[in-house]
Amino acid sequence: MSNDPGSHYVVPNREGGWDVKRDGASRSSGHFESKQDAIDAGRRISQNQETEFVVHNKDGKIAGKDTHGNDPCPPKG
């Protein structure tokens, strides 16, 4: 069994709005009308659960990433 906490994602919902989803989850952790509301909520969840946080655009491309918790490559100094 892996100790990898996984990732949380902000992704567009097919029916409108934005969802916060976790790796392997069948349901979203939350649905939001605005992308910024989804980002704010997703970031809080990700920080709490120490996961990687990935934000997608409507076209599916990655808009940004944050790592909360066990960073495999922490900066030195």
Protein backbone atom coordinates (compact mmCIF):
# COMPACT_ATOMS: atom_id res chain seq x y z
CA MET A 1 0.00 0.00 0.00
CA SER A 2 1.34 3.44 -0.96
CA ASN A 3 1.82 6.31 1.48
CA ASP A 4 1.19 8.77 -1.37
CA PRO A 5 -1.68 11.01 -0.27
CA GLY A 6 -2.71 11.63 -3.89
CA SER A 7 -3.88 14.84 -5.48
CA HIS A 8 -6.86 17.17 -5.54
CA TYR A 9 -7.97 18.80 -8.78
CA VAL A 10 -10.11 21.75 -9.81
CA VAL A 11 -11.84 20.71 -13.03
CA PRO A 12 -14.70 22.04 -15.13
CA ASN A 13 -18.03 20.30 -14.66
CA ARG A 14 -19.75 19.18 -17.90
CA GLU A 15 -23.02 20.72 -16.74
CA GLY A 16 -21.45 24.03 -15.74
CA GLY A 17 -19.42 25.32 -12.84
CA TRP A 18 -16.33 23.73 -11.32
CA ASP A 19 -15.63 20.64 -9.21
CA VAL A 20 -12.94 19.78 -6.69
CA LYS A 21 -12.02 16.10 -7.11
CA ARG A 22 -9.54 13.75 -5.47
CA ASP A 23 -7.58 10.97 -7.18
CA GLY A 24 -9.71 7.86 -7.49
CA ALA A 25 -12.88 9.42 -6.07
CA SER A 26 -16.14 8.74 -7.89
CA ARG A 27 -17.78 11.90 -6.52
CA SER A 28 -16.48 15.44 -6.24
CA SER A 29 -15.46 16.96 -2.92
CA GLY A 30 -17.46 20.03 -3.87
CA HIS A 31 -19.20 21.84 -6.73
CA PHE A 32 -18.88 25.60 -7.25
CA GLU A 33 -20.27 28.13 -9.69
CA SER A 34 -17.03 30.09 -9.97
CA LYS A 35 -13.56 28.77 -10.63
CA GLN A 36 -12.12 31.00 -7.89
CA ASP A 37 -14.51 29.56 -5.29
CA ALA A 38 -13.44 26.04 -6.33
CA ILE A 39 -9.76 27.01 -6.12
CA ASP A 40 -10.18 28.51 -2.65
CA ALA A 41 -12.04 25.45 -1.32
CA GLY A 42 -9.76 22.97 -3.10
CA ARG A 43 -6.64 24.65 -1.74
CA ARG A 44 -8.00 24.43 1.84
CA ILE A 45 -8.82 20.73 1.38
CA SER A 46 -5.42 20.04 -0.17
CA GLN A 47 -3.57 21.83 2.63
CA ASN A 48 -5.58 19.96 5.26
CA GLN A 49 -4.95 16.56 3.65
CA GLU A 50 -1.38 17.38 2.51
CA THR A 51 -1.96 16.53 -1.15
CA GLU A 52 -0.79 17.99 -4.43
CA PHE A 53 -3.25 20.58 -5.75
CA VAL A 54 -3.77 20.94 -9.51
CA VAL A 55 -5.95 23.55 -11.21
CA HIS A 56 -7.19 22.93 -14.76
CA ASN A 57 -8.57 25.34 -17.35
CA LYS A 58 -11.82 24.65 -19.25
CA ASP A 59 -9.75 23.14 -22.09
CA GLY A 60 -8.27 20.59 -19.66
CA LYS A 61 -4.78 22.08 -19.62
CA ILE A 62 -3.08 22.59 -16.28
CA ALA A 63 -3.22 26.19 -15.10
CA GLY A 64 -1.20 25.72 -11.92
CA LYS A 65 0.03 23.35 -9.22
CA ASP A 66 0.83 23.54 -5.52
CA THR A 67 2.24 20.85 -3.25
CA HIS A 68 1.00 20.75 0.34
CA GLY A 69 2.78 18.41 2.67
CA ASN A 70 5.36 15.89 1.58
CA ASP A 71 7.16 17.77 -1.20
CA PRO A 72 9.46 15.30 -3.00
CA CYS A 73 11.78 18.13 -4.05
CA PRO A 74 11.88 20.88 -1.40
CA PRO A 75 13.93 24.00 -2.15
CA LYS A 76 17.29 24.34 -0.42
CA GLY A 77 18.35 27.33 1.61
